[in-house]
Amino acid sequence: MSLLDKQIDAIKEIYSQIKKAGSKIQPVIVGKFALTVYTQGMYPSGNISLLFPDIPLLTKVLKELGYSQMGDFWTRGEIVIEISKKFEIIPTGTFNQIETEGFIMNVVSVEDLLIDMMKQCTAGDETVCDLIKMLIKSYAPALDFHYIFQNLKDKQSVIKFKQFRKETLN
């Protein structure tokens, strides 16, 4: 069983326990693991980053499932869960429901992922810039470019993203 399969099984287990606890909502996958989902494992991430407003419930579930806490990270074997505190994406951010093996996961939208990645790209991370180009090329017909441009925080990000869009779509 691959690490990705183990990670998906861990997410299924966490979702199941949160549902059993009576929560009407499930965590949203964010960060590099969202990138893993959208690249279908081509970009592997060692950490699963989860965003969930009820942090006490999430930490209780992780403890019950045998995870050990190390700061914002919870580990069990080779599975590492990060409790994300990027709550700024909640008011405007959206998520997609992605089905894998009959199981539905909440994953931050590609647009919000791209907006978040632009911070690292404009800071000089060329690998992230290349990944942004790949995502634009892969998801262009479905991307809400208006939403992306509305939510990019600085002029440099807007200029660079427009450049990437032009490069990848021409």
C-alpha atoms as a PDB file:
ATOM      1  CA  MET A   1       0.000   0.000   0.000  1.00  0.00           C
ATOM      2  CA  SER A   2       1.416   3.381  -1.032  1.00  0.00           C
ATOM      3  CA  LEU A   3       1.760   6.329   1.344  1.00  0.00           C
ATOM      4  CA  LEU A   4      -1.006   8.110  -0.592  1.00  0.00           C
ATOM      5  CA  ASP A   5      -3.351   5.145  -0.050  1.00  0.00           C
ATOM      6  CA  LYS A   6      -2.505   5.184   3.662  1.00  0.00           C
ATOM      7  CA  GLN A   7      -3.134   8.930   3.805  1.00  0.00           C
ATOM      8  CA  ILE A   8      -6.538   8.577   2.139  1.00  0.00           C
ATOM      9  CA  ASP A   9      -7.416   5.768   4.558  1.00  0.00           C
ATOM     10  CA  ALA A  10      -6.406   8.043   7.467  1.00  0.00           C
ATOM     11  CA  ILE A  11      -8.667  10.819   6.133  1.00  0.00           C
ATOM     12  CA  LYS A  12     -11.558   8.337   5.795  1.00  0.00           C
ATOM     13  CA  GLU A  13     -11.024   7.252   9.390  1.00  0.00           C
ATOM     14  CA  ILE A  14     -10.924  10.859  10.671  1.00  0.00           C
ATOM     15  CA  TYR A  15     -14.045  11.814   8.687  1.00  0.00           C
ATOM     16  CA  SER A  16     -15.868   8.771  10.031  1.00  0.00           C
ATOM     17  CA  GLN A  17     -15.032   9.624  13.648  1.00  0.00           C
ATOM     18  CA  ILE A  18     -15.999  13.270  13.221  1.00  0.00           C
ATOM     19  CA  LYS A  19     -19.331  12.204  11.740  1.00  0.00           C
ATOM     20  CA  LYS A  20     -19.885   9.780  14.648  1.00  0.00           C
ATOM     21  CA  ALA A  21     -19.256  12.683  17.049  1.00  0.00           C
ATOM     22  CA  GLY A  22     -22.281  14.409  15.511  1.00  0.00           C
ATOM     23  CA  SER A  23     -20.563  17.069  13.417  1.00  0.00           C
ATOM     24  CA  LYS A  24     -22.516  18.196  10.363  1.00  0.00           C
ATOM     25  CA  ILE A  25     -19.338  19.344   8.607  1.00  0.00           C
ATOM     26  CA  GLN A  26     -16.072  17.644   7.724  1.00  0.00           C
ATOM     27  CA  PRO A  27     -12.512  19.009   7.624  1.00  0.00           C
ATOM     28  CA  VAL A  28     -11.241  20.600   4.424  1.00  0.00           C
ATOM     29  CA  ILE A  29      -7.933  19.426   2.980  1.00  0.00           C
ATOM     30  CA  VAL A  30      -5.630  22.397   2.368  1.00  0.00           C
ATOM     31  CA  GLY A  31      -1.966  23.057   1.687  1.00  0.00           C
ATOM     32  CA  LYS A  32       0.419  20.702  -0.027  1.00  0.00           C
ATOM     33  CA  PHE A  33      -1.842  17.691   0.421  1.00  0.00           C
ATOM     34  CA  ALA A  34      -4.534  19.525  -1.581  1.00  0.00           C
ATOM     35  CA  LEU A  35      -1.882  19.845  -4.283  1.00  0.00           C
ATOM     36  CA  THR A  36      -1.291  16.083  -3.998  1.00  0.00           C
ATOM     37  CA  VAL A  37      -5.009  15.496  -4.562  1.00  0.00           C
ATOM     38  CA  TYR A  38      -5.217  17.820  -7.586  1.00  0.00           C
ATOM     39  CA  THR A  39      -2.079  16.351  -9.176  1.00  0.00           C
ATOM     40  CA  GLN A  40      -3.401  12.838  -8.472  1.00  0.00           C
ATOM     41  CA  GLY A  41      -0.309  12.002  -6.444  1.00  0.00           C
ATOM     42  CA  MET A  42       2.267  13.420  -8.900  1.00  0.00           C
ATOM     43  CA  TYR A  43       3.258  15.926  -6.219  1.00  0.00           C
ATOM     44  CA  PRO A  44       3.464  13.848  -3.047  1.00  0.00           C
ATOM     45  CA  SER A  45       3.140  15.488   0.341  1.00  0.00           C
ATOM     46  CA  GLY A  46       4.213  13.897   3.593  1.00  0.00           C
ATOM     47  CA  ASN A  47       1.675  15.910   5.600  1.00  0.00           C
ATOM     48  CA  ILE A  48      -2.089  16.002   5.447  1.00  0.00           C
ATOM     49  CA  SER A  49      -3.204  19.546   6.300  1.00  0.00           C
ATOM     50  CA  LEU A  50      -6.750  19.796   7.618  1.00  0.00           C
ATOM     51  CA  LEU A  51      -8.752  22.954   8.217  1.00  0.00           C
ATOM     52  CA  PHE A  52     -11.650  22.510  10.636  1.00  0.00           C
ATOM     53  CA  PRO A  53     -13.355  25.140  12.795  1.00  0.00           C
ATOM     54  CA  ASP A  54     -13.884  22.798  15.773  1.00  0.00           C
ATOM     55  CA  ILE A  55     -10.243  22.253  16.721  1.00  0.00           C
ATOM     56  CA  PRO A  56     -11.117  20.676  20.106  1.00  0.00           C
ATOM     57  CA  LEU A  57     -13.220  18.009  18.329  1.00  0.00           C
ATOM     58  CA  LEU A  58     -10.509  17.357  15.749  1.00  0.00           C
ATOM     59  CA  THR A  59      -7.808  17.000  18.423  1.00  0.00           C
ATOM     60  CA  LYS A  60     -10.090  14.684  20.453  1.00  0.00           C
ATOM     61  CA  VAL A  61     -10.645  12.485  17.380  1.00  0.00           C
ATOM     62  CA  LEU A  62      -6.929  12.365  16.595  1.00  0.00           C
ATOM     63  CA  LYS A  63      -6.130  11.360  20.191  1.00  0.00           C
ATOM     64  CA  GLU A  64      -8.792   8.634  20.108  1.00  0.00           C
ATOM     65  CA  LEU A  65      -7.351   7.313  16.837  1.00  0.00           C
ATOM     66  CA  GLY A  66      -3.911   6.966  18.430  1.00  0.00           C
ATOM     67  CA  TYR A  67      -2.138   9.999  17.021  1.00  0.00           C
ATOM     68  CA  SER A  68       0.565  11.724  19.106  1.00  0.00           C
ATOM     69  CA  GLN A  69       0.774  15.514  19.148  1.00  0.00           C
ATOM     70  CA  MET A  70       3.926  17.457  18.289  1.00  0.00           C
ATOM     71  CA  GLY A  71       2.949  21.152  18.087  1.00  0.00           C
ATOM     72  CA  ASP A  72       0.447  21.574  15.248  1.00  0.00           C
ATOM     73  CA  PHE A  73       1.340  18.106  13.927  1.00  0.00           C
ATOM     74  CA  TRP A  74      -0.161  14.755  14.890  1.00  0.00           C
ATOM     75  CA  THR A  75       1.636  11.543  13.964  1.00  0.00           C
ATOM     76  CA  ARG A  76       0.760   7.880  13.861  1.00  0.00           C
ATOM     77  CA  GLY A  77       3.280   5.676  12.109  1.00  0.00           C
ATOM     78  CA  GLU A  78       4.155   7.339   8.819  1.00  0.00           C
ATOM     79  CA  ILE A  79       0.967   9.438   8.748  1.00  0.00           C
ATOM     80  CA  VAL A  80       1.403  13.093   9.681  1.00  0.00           C
ATOM     81  CA  ILE A  81      -1.642  15.323  10.155  1.00  0.00           C
ATOM     82  CA  GLU A  82      -1.268  19.091  10.400  1.00  0.00           C
ATOM     83  CA  ILE A  83      -4.072  21.140  11.909  1.00  0.00           C
ATOM     84  CA  SER A  84      -4.102  24.224   9.719  1.00  0.00           C
ATOM     85  CA  LYS A  85      -5.003  27.554  11.206  1.00  0.00           C
ATOM     86  CA  LYS A  86      -5.477  29.349   7.864  1.00  0.00           C
ATOM     87  CA  PHE A  87      -8.954  30.455   8.807  1.00  0.00           C
ATOM     88  CA  GLU A  88      -8.728  33.455   6.481  1.00  0.00           C
ATOM     89  CA  ILE A  89      -9.866  31.209   3.600  1.00  0.00           C
ATOM     90  CA  ILE A  90     -13.152  30.341   5.308  1.00  0.00           C
ATOM     91  CA  PRO A  91     -15.122  33.585   4.684  1.00  0.00           C
ATOM     92  CA  THR A  92     -14.455  33.704   0.935  1.00  0.00           C
ATOM     93  CA  GLY A  93     -12.872  30.367   0.214  1.00  0.00           C
ATOM     94  CA  THR A  94     -14.648  27.485  -1.363  1.00  0.00           C
ATOM     95  CA  PHE A  95     -13.939  23.806  -1.500  1.00  0.00           C
ATOM     96  CA  ASN A  96     -14.555  20.955  -3.868  1.00  0.00           C
ATOM     97  CA  GLN A  97     -15.848  17.543  -3.005  1.00  0.00           C
ATOM     98  CA  ILE A  98     -13.602  14.995  -4.616  1.00  0.00           C
ATOM     99  CA  GLU A  99     -14.524  11.339  -4.800  1.00  0.00           C
ATOM    100  CA  THR A 100     -11.929   8.624  -4.513  1.00  0.00           C
ATOM    101  CA  GLU A 101     -12.820   4.950  -4.188  1.00  0.00           C
ATOM    102  CA  GLY A 102     -16.432   5.862  -3.324  1.00  0.00           C
ATOM    103  CA  PHE A 103     -15.312   8.243  -0.573  1.00  0.00           C
ATOM    104  CA  ILE A 104     -15.855  12.022  -0.739  1.00  0.00           C
ATOM    105  CA  MET A 105     -13.190  14.411   0.592  1.00  0.00           C
ATOM    106  CA  ASN A 106     -13.510  18.178   0.992  1.00  0.00           C
ATOM    107  CA  VAL A 107     -10.548  19.844  -0.704  1.00  0.00           C
ATOM    108  CA  VAL A 108      -9.862  23.581  -0.907  1.00  0.00           C
ATOM    109  CA  SER A 109     -10.759  24.887  -4.371  1.00  0.00           C
ATOM    110  CA  VAL A 110      -8.068  24.937  -7.036  1.00  0.00           C
ATOM    111  CA  GLU A 111      -8.496  28.716  -7.197  1.00  0.00           C
ATOM    112  CA  ASP A 112      -7.855  29.191  -3.469  1.00  0.00           C
ATOM    113  CA  LEU A 113      -4.926  26.788  -3.652  1.00  0.00           C
ATOM    114  CA  LEU A 114      -3.420  28.805  -6.527  1.00  0.00           C
ATOM    115  CA  ILE A 115      -3.926  32.072  -4.626  1.00  0.00           C
ATOM    116  CA  ASP A 116      -2.160  30.594  -1.593  1.00  0.00           C
ATOM    117  CA  MET A 117       0.673  29.190  -3.721  1.00  0.00           C
ATOM    118  CA  MET A 118       1.307  32.573  -5.356  1.00  0.00           C
ATOM    119  CA  LYS A 119       2.715  33.835  -2.034  1.00  0.00           C
ATOM    120  CA  GLN A 120       5.505  31.243  -2.199  1.00  0.00           C
ATOM    121  CA  CYS A 121       6.024  31.783  -5.913  1.00  0.00           C
ATOM    122  CA  THR A 122       6.462  35.557  -5.628  1.00  0.00           C
ATOM    123  CA  ALA A 123       8.849  34.932  -2.714  1.00  0.00           C
ATOM    124  CA  GLY A 124      11.105  33.134  -5.201  1.00  0.00           C
ATOM    125  CA  ASP A 125      10.125  29.452  -5.015  1.00  0.00           C
ATOM    126  CA  GLU A 126      10.485  28.428  -8.683  1.00  0.00           C
ATOM    127  CA  THR A 127       9.219  24.887  -8.019  1.00  0.00           C
ATOM    128  CA  VAL A 128       5.929  26.324  -6.764  1.00  0.00           C
ATOM    129  CA  CYS A 129       5.791  28.639  -9.797  1.00  0.00           C
ATOM    130  CA  ASP A 130       6.166  25.609 -12.078  1.00  0.00           C
ATOM    131  CA  LEU A 131       3.420  23.779 -10.182  1.00  0.00           C
ATOM    132  CA  ILE A 132       1.123  26.800 -10.600  1.00  0.00           C
ATOM    133  CA  LYS A 133       1.715  26.705 -14.363  1.00  0.00           C
ATOM    134  CA  MET A 134       0.936  22.987 -14.415  1.00  0.00           C
ATOM    135  CA  LEU A 135      -2.324  23.512 -12.493  1.00  0.00           C
ATOM    136  CA  ILE A 136      -3.366  26.380 -14.784  1.00  0.00           C
ATOM    137  CA  LYS A 137      -2.743  24.211 -17.835  1.00  0.00           C
ATOM    138  CA  SER A 138      -4.551  21.202 -16.336  1.00  0.00           C
ATOM    139  CA  TYR A 139      -7.575  23.026 -14.950  1.00  0.00           C
ATOM    140  CA  ALA A 140      -7.859  26.097 -17.250  1.00  0.00           C
ATOM    141  CA  PRO A 141     -11.348  25.365 -18.609  1.00  0.00           C
ATOM    142  CA  ALA A 142     -12.748  25.033 -15.075  1.00  0.00           C
ATOM    143  CA  LEU A 143     -10.823  27.855 -13.370  1.00  0.00           C
ATOM    144  CA  ASP A 144     -12.592  31.018 -12.260  1.00  0.00           C
ATOM    145  CA  PHE A 145      -9.876  33.479 -13.274  1.00  0.00           C
ATOM    146  CA  HIS A 146     -12.019  36.442 -12.212  1.00  0.00           C
ATOM    147  CA  TYR A 147     -12.160  35.028  -8.659  1.00  0.00           C
ATOM    148  CA  ILE A 148      -8.397  34.464  -8.648  1.00  0.00           C
ATOM    149  CA  PHE A 149      -7.574  38.007  -9.778  1.00  0.00           C
ATOM    150  CA  GLN A 150     -10.066  39.471  -7.295  1.00  0.00           C
ATOM    151  CA  ASN A 151      -8.416  37.628  -4.410  1.00  0.00           C
ATOM    152  CA  LEU A 152      -4.714  37.920  -5.180  1.00  0.00           C
ATOM    153  CA  LYS A 153      -3.371  40.225  -2.468  1.00  0.00           C
ATOM    154  CA  ASP A 154      -0.617  42.156  -4.208  1.00  0.00           C
ATOM    155  CA  LYS A 155       0.183  43.658  -7.595  1.00  0.00           C
ATOM    156  CA  GLN A 156       3.253  41.460  -8.101  1.00  0.00           C
ATOM    157  CA  SER A 157       1.115  38.307  -7.741  1.00  0.00           C
ATOM    158  CA  VAL A 158      -1.438  39.607 -10.241  1.00  0.00           C
ATOM    159  CA  ILE A 159       1.256  40.467 -12.811  1.00  0.00           C
ATOM    160  CA  LYS A 160       3.014  37.110 -12.391  1.00  0.00           C
ATOM    161  CA  PHE A 161      -0.244  35.120 -12.499  1.00  0.00           C
ATOM    162  CA  LYS A 162      -1.330  36.917 -15.705  1.00  0.00           C
ATOM    163  CA  GLN A 163       2.064  36.038 -17.186  1.00  0.00           C
ATOM    164  CA  PHE A 164       1.667  32.356 -16.219  1.00  0.00           C
ATOM    165  CA  ARG A 165      -1.852  32.281 -17.653  1.00  0.00           C
ATOM    166  CA  LYS A 166      -0.662  33.756 -20.947  1.00  0.00           C
ATOM    167  CA  GLU A 167       2.330  31.358 -21.144  1.00  0.00           C
ATOM    168  CA  THR A 168       0.328  28.221 -20.406  1.00  0.00           C
ATOM    169  CA  LEU A 169      -2.767  28.950 -22.480  1.00  0.00           C
ATOM    170  CA  ASN A 170      -1.027  30.104 -25.685  1.00  0.00           C
END
